[in-house]
Amino acid sequence: MSASDFSHEAESKGFAWFLGIIGASAVVVMIALGGYWSIEPDSFDVVEEAKLRQQYDHIDDLPVGYVYANTLAHIAETLLYKPGGYITNDVGVPGLYLDNITSWEYGALIMLRDATSALRNHLARSQSQSAEDPDLANAEPYFYYEHNSWALPSSESEYQKGIDSLHKYMVRLADVNHKNPGHFYPRADNLWQYIEIVIKRLGGVSTQLSASTDRYEAYDIKLEKSAAISQTSWLMLDNVFWQARGSCWALLHILKAIKHDFRAILEDKRAMETVNNMIHEMENALAPITSPVILNGNGYGIFANYSLAMASYVSRANAAALDLRDVMNRG
């Protein structure tokens, strides 16, 4: 082998090593970035966040309903601006393979949609015949835009429009001298109608979580008998779990906002403890996870079953929601 051939071979090997190092480094960076993007957002103080927005809008006092509306806006902002941004519609790595955080996002989005619909259709209207709020009429459809659109328009751009519309409503809510001021009616019947939706959502979440170990029997009113719900595939266990975590995270903050803005009626109905119980169960459901994977043990085996543990918290919150609905429905 001539000296030139030897030199050429050495250069080729050196280039291959260089490409290997670059490739390995890229993989490590993607894995680390994916891990960072998959971290759940922390809880926030709904009243303090409302006060920060109050200062931004130059508002003197927090009107009733301002905390609730700001909580919805901040939940949406968290979805868009947490580390990695909104990941569900990503078409590149590492977002493309991060199914846990995308399931979390969808769970939070469902609760956000329900609470926004309740604000538009019930909480901001004095009676069924009254006109709906124009900004809320804009906000709700934006949050119902498809959750995985990456372009023309993207999910983020539509959700941001929903946030902007909520902020416009909040400004009008605080300005009693506005030609078209915003309204918020913290009545028992309004809260009752929203809690009806929460009950169904929590019931669905609990059923999905309970199907993690075996076929689950549920009563089908149309068939007038129990119908078996198929056991959740092991590939979907973590998706169901993380979607439930996202739902609980969003509902936790919505309940805290309700506790603030509906304080008068809750105290009058002696239902504050019931709301506190729901909040407590949501906080339990969001306890830190100590395992790198979602465990799915059976019976009294050596491994825990994370899905069933969360299902128990969600079921207890659902039971409290049933009590709250009954209390709000009493004359």
Protein backbone atom coordinates (compact mmCIF):
# COMPACT_ATOMS: atom_id res chain seq x y z
CA MET A 1 0.00 0.00 0.00
CA SER A 2 1.42 3.34 -1.02
CA ALA A 3 1.70 6.28 1.33
CA SER A 4 -1.07 8.12 -0.51
CA ASP A 5 -3.44 5.14 -0.22
CA PHE A 6 -2.67 4.82 3.50
CA SER A 7 -3.33 8.53 4.02
CA HIS A 8 -6.61 8.33 2.13
CA GLU A 9 -7.78 5.36 4.23
CA ALA A 10 -6.85 7.18 7.44
CA GLU A 11 -8.81 10.22 6.33
CA SER A 12 -11.84 8.05 5.52
CA LYS A 13 -11.72 6.39 8.93
CA GLY A 14 -11.32 9.75 10.63
CA PHE A 15 -14.32 11.16 8.77
CA ALA A 16 -16.39 8.10 9.68
CA TRP A 17 -15.45 8.53 13.34
CA PHE A 18 -16.38 12.20 13.13
CA LEU A 19 -19.79 11.39 11.65
CA GLY A 20 -20.32 8.71 14.31
CA ILE A 21 -19.54 11.15 17.11
CA ILE A 22 -21.87 13.77 15.60
CA GLY A 23 -24.64 11.19 15.23
CA ALA A 24 -24.22 9.86 18.77
CA SER A 25 -24.18 13.40 20.17
CA ALA A 26 -27.37 14.25 18.27
CA VAL A 27 -29.09 11.17 19.69
CA VAL A 28 -28.03 12.08 23.25
CA VAL A 29 -29.22 15.66 22.77
CA MET A 30 -32.59 14.49 21.38
CA ILE A 31 -33.07 12.08 24.29
CA ALA A 32 -32.17 14.73 26.87
CA LEU A 33 -34.35 17.34 25.17
CA GLY A 34 -37.22 14.86 24.95
CA GLY A 35 -36.91 14.15 28.66
CA TYR A 36 -36.95 17.85 29.47
CA TRP A 37 -39.96 18.52 27.25
CA SER A 38 -41.83 15.61 28.89
CA ILE A 39 -41.74 17.17 32.36
CA GLU A 40 -45.23 18.06 33.58
CA PRO A 41 -45.87 21.76 34.23
CA ASP A 42 -46.04 22.76 37.87
CA SER A 43 -49.27 23.84 39.51
CA PHE A 44 -49.87 27.57 39.79
CA ASP A 45 -51.69 29.86 42.20
CA VAL A 46 -54.88 30.86 40.39
CA VAL A 47 -55.39 34.03 42.45
CA GLU A 48 -51.80 35.23 42.11
CA GLU A 49 -51.88 34.65 38.36
CA ALA A 50 -55.10 36.66 38.16
CA LYS A 51 -53.49 39.49 40.12
CA LEU A 52 -50.54 39.54 37.71
CA ARG A 53 -52.96 39.83 34.81
CA GLN A 54 -54.89 42.47 36.75
CA GLN A 55 -51.75 44.61 36.96
CA TYR A 56 -51.09 44.09 33.25
CA ASP A 57 -54.62 45.23 32.39
CA HIS A 58 -54.40 48.12 34.91
CA ILE A 59 -57.48 46.95 36.79
CA ASP A 60 -58.11 48.17 40.33
CA ASP A 61 -60.11 45.23 41.73
CA LEU A 62 -60.63 41.58 40.89
CA PRO A 63 -64.28 41.30 39.78
CA VAL A 64 -66.15 38.06 40.35
CA GLY A 65 -65.35 35.69 37.50
CA TYR A 66 -61.99 37.26 36.67
CA VAL A 67 -60.05 34.46 38.41
CA TYR A 68 -62.06 31.78 36.62
CA ALA A 69 -61.58 33.32 33.17
CA ASN A 70 -57.88 34.01 33.78
CA THR A 71 -57.38 30.43 34.97
CA LEU A 72 -58.72 29.14 31.66
CA ALA A 73 -56.46 31.52 29.75
CA HIS A 74 -53.43 30.52 31.81
CA ILE A 75 -54.13 26.80 31.33
CA ALA A 76 -54.12 27.44 27.58
CA GLU A 77 -50.95 29.54 27.88
CA THR A 78 -49.26 26.73 29.77
CA LEU A 79 -50.12 24.32 26.96
CA LEU A 80 -48.57 26.67 24.41
CA TYR A 81 -45.54 28.00 26.28
CA LYS A 82 -44.32 25.23 28.57
CA PRO A 83 -40.88 23.73 27.74
CA GLY A 84 -41.07 22.51 24.17
CA GLY A 85 -44.27 24.46 23.56
CA TYR A 86 -47.34 22.65 22.30
CA ILE A 87 -45.99 19.26 21.23
CA THR A 88 -49.02 17.33 19.99
CA ASN A 89 -48.76 18.69 16.45
CA ASP A 90 -44.96 18.40 16.13
CA VAL A 91 -43.76 16.72 12.95
CA GLY A 92 -40.08 16.53 13.91
CA VAL A 93 -37.99 15.01 16.68
CA PRO A 94 -38.05 14.88 19.60
CA GLY A 95 -41.71 15.92 19.75
CA LEU A 96 -42.72 13.28 17.22
CA TYR A 97 -42.07 10.41 19.65
CA LEU A 98 -43.17 12.07 22.92
CA ASP A 99 -46.54 10.36 23.32
CA ASN A 100 -46.79 10.80 27.11
CA ILE A 101 -46.73 14.60 27.16
CA THR A 102 -49.00 14.78 24.11
CA SER A 103 -51.54 12.63 25.96
CA TRP A 104 -51.18 14.97 28.94
CA GLU A 105 -51.85 17.94 26.68
CA TYR A 106 -55.00 16.36 25.29
CA GLY A 107 -56.35 15.61 28.76
CA ALA A 108 -55.81 19.22 29.85
CA LEU A 109 -57.32 20.50 26.60
CA ILE A 110 -60.53 18.51 27.13
CA MET A 111 -61.05 20.07 30.57
CA LEU A 112 -60.24 23.51 29.16
CA ARG A 113 -62.86 23.07 26.44
CA ASP A 114 -65.53 21.99 28.93
CA ALA A 115 -64.85 24.90 31.27
CA THR A 116 -64.83 27.42 28.40
CA SER A 117 -68.14 26.08 27.10
CA ALA A 118 -69.61 26.38 30.60
CA LEU A 119 -68.42 29.99 30.80
CA ARG A 120 -69.95 30.87 27.44
CA ASN A 121 -73.24 29.01 27.82
CA HIS A 122 -73.98 29.28 31.54
CA LEU A 123 -71.71 31.32 33.78
CA ALA A 124 -71.73 34.49 31.65
CA ARG A 125 -75.48 34.46 30.95
CA SER A 126 -78.16 35.62 33.36
CA GLN A 127 -80.81 33.34 31.86
CA SER A 128 -81.40 31.09 28.87
CA GLN A 129 -82.93 33.91 26.83
CA SER A 130 -80.08 36.38 27.39
CA ALA A 131 -77.56 37.18 24.65
CA GLU A 132 -74.22 35.41 24.79
CA ASP A 133 -70.99 37.29 25.36
CA PRO A 134 -69.35 38.15 22.00
CA ASP A 135 -65.77 37.51 23.14
CA LEU A 136 -66.67 34.17 24.71
CA ALA A 137 -68.57 33.25 21.55
CA ASN A 138 -65.24 33.74 19.76
CA ALA A 139 -63.07 32.04 22.38
CA GLU A 140 -64.88 28.71 22.64
CA PRO A 141 -64.65 27.64 18.95
CA TYR A 142 -60.93 28.42 18.86
CA PHE A 143 -60.25 25.93 21.66
CA TYR A 144 -62.26 23.31 19.81
CA TYR A 145 -60.01 23.54 16.78
CA GLU A 146 -58.33 20.21 15.95
CA HIS A 147 -55.58 19.50 18.43
CA ASN A 148 -52.94 18.13 16.03
CA SER A 149 -52.88 20.62 13.17
CA TRP A 150 -49.35 21.86 12.45
CA ALA A 151 -50.09 24.33 9.64
CA LEU A 152 -52.70 26.43 7.84
CA PRO A 153 -53.66 27.24 10.55
CA SER A 154 -51.74 25.60 13.35
CA SER A 155 -53.37 24.53 16.60
CA GLU A 156 -51.19 27.03 18.47
CA SER A 157 -52.37 30.00 16.42
CA GLU A 158 -56.04 29.12 16.95
CA TYR A 159 -55.62 28.51 20.68
CA GLN A 160 -53.80 31.84 21.02
CA LYS A 161 -56.83 33.54 19.46
CA GLY A 162 -58.96 31.86 22.12
CA ILE A 163 -56.64 33.19 24.83
CA ASP A 164 -56.84 36.70 23.37
CA SER A 165 -60.64 36.54 23.33
CA LEU A 166 -60.70 35.47 26.99
CA HIS A 167 -58.46 38.42 27.87
CA LYS A 168 -60.82 40.80 26.04
CA TYR A 169 -63.73 39.38 28.04
CA MET A 170 -61.78 39.85 31.27
CA VAL A 171 -61.13 43.53 30.48
CA ARG A 172 -64.82 44.11 29.81
CA LEU A 173 -65.71 42.15 32.94
CA ALA A 174 -63.69 44.58 35.04
CA ASP A 175 -64.94 47.72 33.26
CA VAL A 176 -68.47 48.44 34.47
CA ASN A 177 -68.48 51.65 32.41
CA HIS A 178 -67.85 49.80 29.15
CA LYS A 179 -70.67 50.17 26.62
CA ASN A 180 -70.88 46.37 26.56
CA PRO A 181 -69.51 45.16 29.92
CA GLY A 182 -68.81 41.50 30.56
CA HIS A 183 -70.87 39.51 33.03
CA PHE A 184 -70.34 36.54 35.32
CA TYR A 185 -73.14 35.00 37.36
CA PRO A 186 -71.88 32.77 40.21
CA ARG A 187 -75.25 31.14 40.86
CA ALA A 188 -75.97 27.65 42.14
CA ASP A 189 -77.81 26.61 38.98
CA ASN A 190 -74.90 27.73 36.78
CA LEU A 191 -72.39 25.78 38.85
CA TRP A 192 -74.70 22.77 38.89
CA GLN A 193 -74.74 22.65 35.08
CA TYR A 194 -70.94 22.71 34.87
CA ILE A 195 -70.54 20.08 37.58
CA GLU A 196 -72.81 17.80 35.55
CA ILE A 197 -70.18 17.90 32.79
CA VAL A 198 -67.35 17.31 35.28
CA ILE A 199 -69.13 14.24 36.65
CA LYS A 200 -69.31 12.68 33.19
CA ARG A 201 -65.67 13.50 32.44
CA LEU A 202 -64.40 12.07 35.71
CA GLY A 203 -66.56 8.99 35.26
CA GLY A 204 -65.05 8.42 31.82
CA VAL A 205 -61.51 8.95 33.10
CA SER A 206 -62.08 6.51 35.98
CA THR A 207 -63.50 3.87 33.64
CA GLN A 208 -60.54 4.11 31.25
CA LEU A 209 -58.06 3.86 34.11
CA SER A 210 -59.87 0.89 35.67
CA ALA A 211 -59.65 -1.04 32.40
CA SER A 212 -55.87 -1.27 32.84
CA THR A 213 -55.87 -4.74 34.39
CA ASP A 214 -58.87 -6.66 33.12
CA ARG A 215 -62.14 -6.44 31.23
CA TYR A 216 -64.29 -3.85 32.94
CA GLU A 217 -68.05 -4.23 33.38
CA ALA A 218 -70.17 -1.12 32.87
CA TYR A 219 -73.94 -0.82 32.65
CA ASP A 220 -75.25 0.05 29.19
CA ILE A 221 -78.65 1.71 29.55
CA LYS A 222 -79.53 1.01 25.90
CA LEU A 223 -78.85 -2.71 26.23
CA GLU A 224 -80.23 -2.72 29.80
CA LYS A 225 -77.39 -4.92 30.92
CA SER A 226 -73.73 -4.78 31.80
CA ALA A 227 -71.38 -4.53 28.85
CA ALA A 228 -67.73 -5.47 28.97
CA ILE A 229 -65.15 -2.79 28.22
CA SER A 230 -62.02 -4.28 26.69
CA GLN A 231 -58.83 -4.27 28.71
CA THR A 232 -56.52 -1.44 27.78
CA SER A 233 -53.66 -2.54 25.55
CA TRP A 234 -50.29 -2.43 27.28
CA LEU A 235 -49.10 -0.08 24.54
CA MET A 236 -51.85 2.38 25.51
CA LEU A 237 -51.57 2.15 29.29
CA ASP A 238 -49.21 5.08 29.63
CA ASN A 239 -51.24 7.18 27.18
CA VAL A 240 -54.43 6.68 29.20
CA PHE A 241 -52.58 7.41 32.43
CA TRP A 242 -50.99 10.63 31.16
CA GLN A 243 -54.21 11.85 29.61
CA ALA A 244 -55.83 11.40 33.02
CA ARG A 245 -52.96 13.34 34.63
CA GLY A 246 -53.50 16.22 32.23
CA SER A 247 -57.24 16.23 32.94
CA CYS A 248 -56.64 16.26 36.69
CA TRP A 249 -54.05 19.04 36.41
CA ALA A 250 -56.44 21.32 34.51
CA LEU A 251 -59.45 20.47 36.68
CA LEU A 252 -57.46 21.14 39.86
CA HIS A 253 -56.94 24.76 38.83
CA ILE A 254 -60.50 25.19 37.59
CA LEU A 255 -61.82 23.96 40.93
CA LYS A 256 -59.58 26.40 42.78
CA ALA A 257 -60.94 29.21 40.61
CA ILE A 258 -64.50 28.07 41.36
CA LYS A 259 -63.69 28.04 45.05
CA HIS A 260 -62.66 31.70 44.77
CA ASP A 261 -65.38 33.06 42.48
CA PHE A 262 -68.26 30.98 43.87
CA ARG A 263 -67.24 31.45 47.49
CA ALA A 264 -70.46 33.19 48.52
CA ILE A 265 -72.81 30.53 47.16
CA LEU A 266 -70.57 27.67 48.32
CA GLU A 267 -70.55 29.02 51.86
CA ASP A 268 -74.28 29.69 51.76
CA LYS A 269 -74.93 26.11 50.62
CA ARG A 270 -72.31 24.76 53.04
CA ALA A 271 -70.56 23.10 50.11
CA MET A 272 -67.07 24.53 50.54
CA GLU A 273 -65.83 21.34 52.19
CA THR A 274 -67.09 19.32 49.23
CA VAL A 275 -65.08 21.45 46.81
CA ASN A 276 -62.05 21.14 49.10
CA ASN A 277 -62.44 17.36 48.96
CA MET A 278 -62.42 17.43 45.16
CA ILE A 279 -59.32 19.64 45.18
CA HIS A 280 -57.62 17.32 47.65
CA GLU A 281 -58.27 14.25 45.48
CA MET A 282 -56.95 16.05 42.38
CA GLU A 283 -53.78 16.94 44.29
CA ASN A 284 -53.40 13.29 45.34
CA ALA A 285 -53.83 12.20 41.72
CA LEU A 286 -50.96 14.51 40.75
CA ALA A 287 -48.50 13.18 43.33
CA PRO A 288 -44.92 12.83 42.01
CA ILE A 289 -44.14 9.68 40.03
CA THR A 290 -41.15 7.76 41.34
CA SER A 291 -40.87 5.17 38.57
CA PRO A 292 -39.35 5.88 35.13
CA VAL A 293 -42.22 3.87 33.58
CA ILE A 294 -45.93 3.55 34.34
CA LEU A 295 -46.27 0.35 36.35
CA ASN A 296 -49.24 -1.94 35.84
CA GLY A 297 -49.08 -4.62 38.51
CA ASN A 298 -51.86 -7.10 39.14
CA GLY A 299 -53.71 -7.80 42.37
CA TYR A 300 -51.35 -8.01 45.32
CA GLY A 301 -48.17 -8.46 43.29
CA ILE A 302 -44.85 -6.78 43.99
CA PHE A 303 -45.46 -3.99 41.50
CA ALA A 304 -47.91 -1.13 41.93
CA ASN A 305 -50.66 -0.33 39.47
CA TYR A 306 -50.48 3.39 38.77
CA SER A 307 -53.69 3.43 36.76
CA LEU A 308 -55.77 1.91 39.54
CA ALA A 309 -54.19 4.22 42.12
CA MET A 310 -55.19 7.25 40.05
CA ALA A 311 -58.62 5.74 39.35
CA SER A 312 -59.29 5.62 43.09
CA TYR A 313 -58.53 9.34 43.47
CA VAL A 314 -60.61 10.25 40.43
CA SER A 315 -63.52 8.12 41.68
CA ARG A 316 -63.47 9.84 45.06
CA ALA A 317 -63.41 13.23 43.36
CA ASN A 318 -66.35 12.10 41.23
CA ALA A 319 -68.28 11.07 44.34
CA ALA A 320 -67.66 14.53 45.81
CA ALA A 321 -68.82 16.09 42.53
CA LEU A 322 -72.07 14.14 42.79
CA ASP A 323 -72.57 15.54 46.28
CA LEU A 324 -71.82 19.05 45.04
CA ARG A 325 -74.31 18.70 42.22
CA ASP A 326 -77.03 17.61 44.63
CA VAL A 327 -76.32 20.48 47.01
CA MET A 328 -76.37 23.05 44.19
CA ASN A 329 -79.63 21.61 42.88
CA ARG A 330 -81.48 22.05 46.16
CA GLY A 331 -83.78 24.99 46.59
